[in-house]
């Protein structure tokens, strides 16, 4: 493997514009081998404000906005999503999320899992992580 090929296989990390500073030891995005990995996005705006007191629909819209910002900031977009994992704290939110997600994703229908969890950090109601191509 020459130096150029080796560099292509090394992960690159970044925190695209439009996202708050990561709250832990991670990057919003890692890129390797033509794939984009988006860390779990919580409903936190670009200024770092946590939408803890906002309703589920507002939190879902923020998280999808964060996923869009992470993807586009790394050179990808919703049409290139391969897999999406969604974590929600109440199954009663599933139908609302599915409708919001369908509007946001349009014709894109990547593989997806919606997982019920007992709690999320900061008392938030939704988190999304994803894998896409560049």
Protein backbone atom coordinates (compact mmCIF):
# COMPACT_ATOMS: atom_id res chain seq x y z
CA UNK A 1 0.00 0.00 0.00
CA UNK A 2 1.51 3.36 -1.00
CA UNK A 3 1.32 6.47 1.18
CA UNK A 4 -1.71 7.88 -0.68
CA UNK A 5 -3.67 4.65 -0.28
CA UNK A 6 -2.69 4.43 3.38
CA UNK A 7 -3.87 8.02 4.02
CA UNK A 8 -7.22 7.24 2.38
CA UNK A 9 -7.83 4.45 4.91
CA UNK A 10 -7.00 6.55 7.97
CA UNK A 11 -10.06 8.04 9.65
CA UNK A 12 -10.59 11.77 9.41
CA UNK A 13 -12.69 13.51 12.06
CA UNK A 14 -14.46 16.84 11.97
CA UNK A 15 -17.14 18.95 13.60
CA UNK A 16 -19.05 20.67 10.77
CA UNK A 17 -20.48 24.17 11.07
CA UNK A 18 -24.01 24.36 12.42
CA UNK A 19 -23.38 21.94 15.27
CA UNK A 20 -22.58 22.68 18.89
CA UNK A 21 -19.22 21.70 20.34
CA UNK A 22 -19.17 17.98 21.16
CA UNK A 23 -19.99 17.40 24.82
CA UNK A 24 -17.48 14.59 25.30
CA UNK A 25 -14.43 12.92 23.86
CA UNK A 26 -15.74 12.38 20.32
CA UNK A 27 -16.16 14.07 16.95
CA UNK A 28 -19.49 14.71 15.30
CA UNK A 29 -18.22 13.01 12.14
CA UNK A 30 -15.65 10.38 11.22
CA UNK A 31 -14.81 9.60 7.60
CA UNK A 32 -12.97 6.52 6.32
CA UNK A 33 -13.00 4.47 3.13
CA UNK A 34 -15.68 6.62 1.51
CA UNK A 35 -18.06 6.27 4.46
CA UNK A 36 -19.36 8.97 6.76
CA UNK A 37 -20.18 8.04 10.37
CA UNK A 38 -22.28 10.59 12.28
CA UNK A 39 -22.10 10.39 16.06
CA UNK A 40 -25.30 10.34 18.05
CA UNK A 41 -26.98 13.72 17.61
CA UNK A 42 -29.10 15.03 20.46
CA UNK A 43 -31.54 17.95 20.23
CA UNK A 44 -28.87 20.55 20.97
CA UNK A 45 -28.65 23.65 18.79
CA UNK A 46 -25.53 25.17 17.23
CA UNK A 47 -25.05 27.39 20.29
CA UNK A 48 -25.04 24.41 22.65
CA UNK A 49 -28.57 24.98 23.98
CA UNK A 50 -30.21 21.72 25.00
CA UNK A 51 -33.89 21.55 24.00
CA UNK A 52 -34.79 19.64 27.18
CA UNK A 53 -37.98 21.64 27.78
CA UNK A 54 -39.12 21.49 24.14
CA UNK A 55 -41.77 19.03 22.98
CA UNK A 56 -40.84 15.87 21.11
CA UNK A 57 -41.58 17.29 17.64
CA UNK A 58 -39.25 20.26 18.21
CA UNK A 59 -36.55 17.93 19.51
CA UNK A 60 -36.96 15.61 16.51
CA UNK A 61 -36.72 18.54 14.08
CA UNK A 62 -33.51 19.73 15.78
CA UNK A 63 -31.93 16.29 15.69
CA UNK A 64 -32.74 15.86 12.00
CA UNK A 65 -31.35 19.34 11.37
CA UNK A 66 -28.17 18.30 13.18
CA UNK A 67 -27.93 15.13 11.10
CA UNK A 68 -28.35 17.20 7.95
CA UNK A 69 -25.68 19.70 9.05
CA UNK A 70 -23.26 16.91 9.93
CA UNK A 71 -23.83 15.18 6.58
CA UNK A 72 -23.67 18.25 4.36
CA UNK A 73 -20.72 19.68 6.29
CA UNK A 74 -18.78 16.53 5.47
CA UNK A 75 -19.75 16.43 1.79
CA UNK A 76 -22.72 14.09 1.91
CA UNK A 77 -26.50 14.51 2.13
CA UNK A 78 -29.73 12.71 3.03
CA UNK A 79 -29.81 10.87 -0.30
CA UNK A 80 -26.54 9.14 0.61
CA UNK A 81 -27.66 7.81 4.00
CA UNK A 82 -27.14 4.07 4.32
CA UNK A 83 -28.30 3.40 7.88
CA UNK A 84 -29.96 5.43 10.61
CA UNK A 85 -30.40 4.46 14.27
CA UNK A 86 -33.00 6.42 16.23
CA UNK A 87 -33.31 6.22 20.00
CA UNK A 88 -36.53 7.50 21.60
CA UNK A 89 -37.66 7.47 25.23
CA UNK A 90 -41.34 6.71 24.61
CA UNK A 91 -42.84 4.46 21.95
CA UNK A 92 -45.80 6.87 21.83
CA UNK A 93 -43.50 9.22 19.86
CA UNK A 94 -42.87 6.66 17.10
CA UNK A 95 -45.71 7.71 14.77
CA UNK A 96 -44.90 11.40 15.14
CA UNK A 97 -41.23 10.76 14.49
CA UNK A 98 -41.96 8.57 11.47
CA UNK A 99 -44.05 11.35 9.88
CA UNK A 100 -41.42 14.03 10.62
CA UNK A 101 -38.63 11.77 9.34
CA UNK A 102 -40.53 10.95 6.12
CA UNK A 103 -40.97 14.66 5.35
CA UNK A 104 -37.29 15.32 6.12
CA UNK A 105 -35.89 12.33 4.20
CA UNK A 106 -38.14 12.63 1.15
CA UNK A 107 -37.37 9.88 -1.34
CA UNK A 108 -34.40 8.59 0.70
CA UNK A 109 -35.21 5.37 2.55
CA UNK A 110 -32.02 4.13 4.21
CA UNK A 111 -32.04 1.12 6.51
CA UNK A 112 -33.36 2.30 9.87
CA UNK A 113 -33.97 1.14 13.42
CA UNK A 114 -36.07 2.98 15.99
CA UNK A 115 -35.10 1.78 19.46
CA UNK A 116 -36.98 2.46 22.68
CA UNK A 117 -34.60 3.45 25.50
CA UNK A 118 -35.35 4.20 29.16
CA UNK A 119 -33.56 7.58 29.20
CA UNK A 120 -31.20 9.84 27.27
CA UNK A 121 -28.61 12.33 28.48
CA UNK A 122 -29.91 15.66 29.85
CA UNK A 123 -33.47 14.31 29.92
CA UNK A 124 -33.76 14.65 26.14
CA UNK A 125 -36.28 12.55 24.19
CA UNK A 126 -34.46 11.52 20.98
CA UNK A 127 -31.00 10.77 19.61
CA UNK A 128 -29.96 9.78 16.07
CA UNK A 129 -26.75 8.32 14.64
CA UNK A 130 -26.13 7.46 11.00
CA UNK A 131 -23.83 6.07 8.34
CA UNK A 132 -23.68 7.53 4.82
CA UNK A 133 -21.51 7.50 1.73
CA UNK A 134 -19.62 10.53 0.52
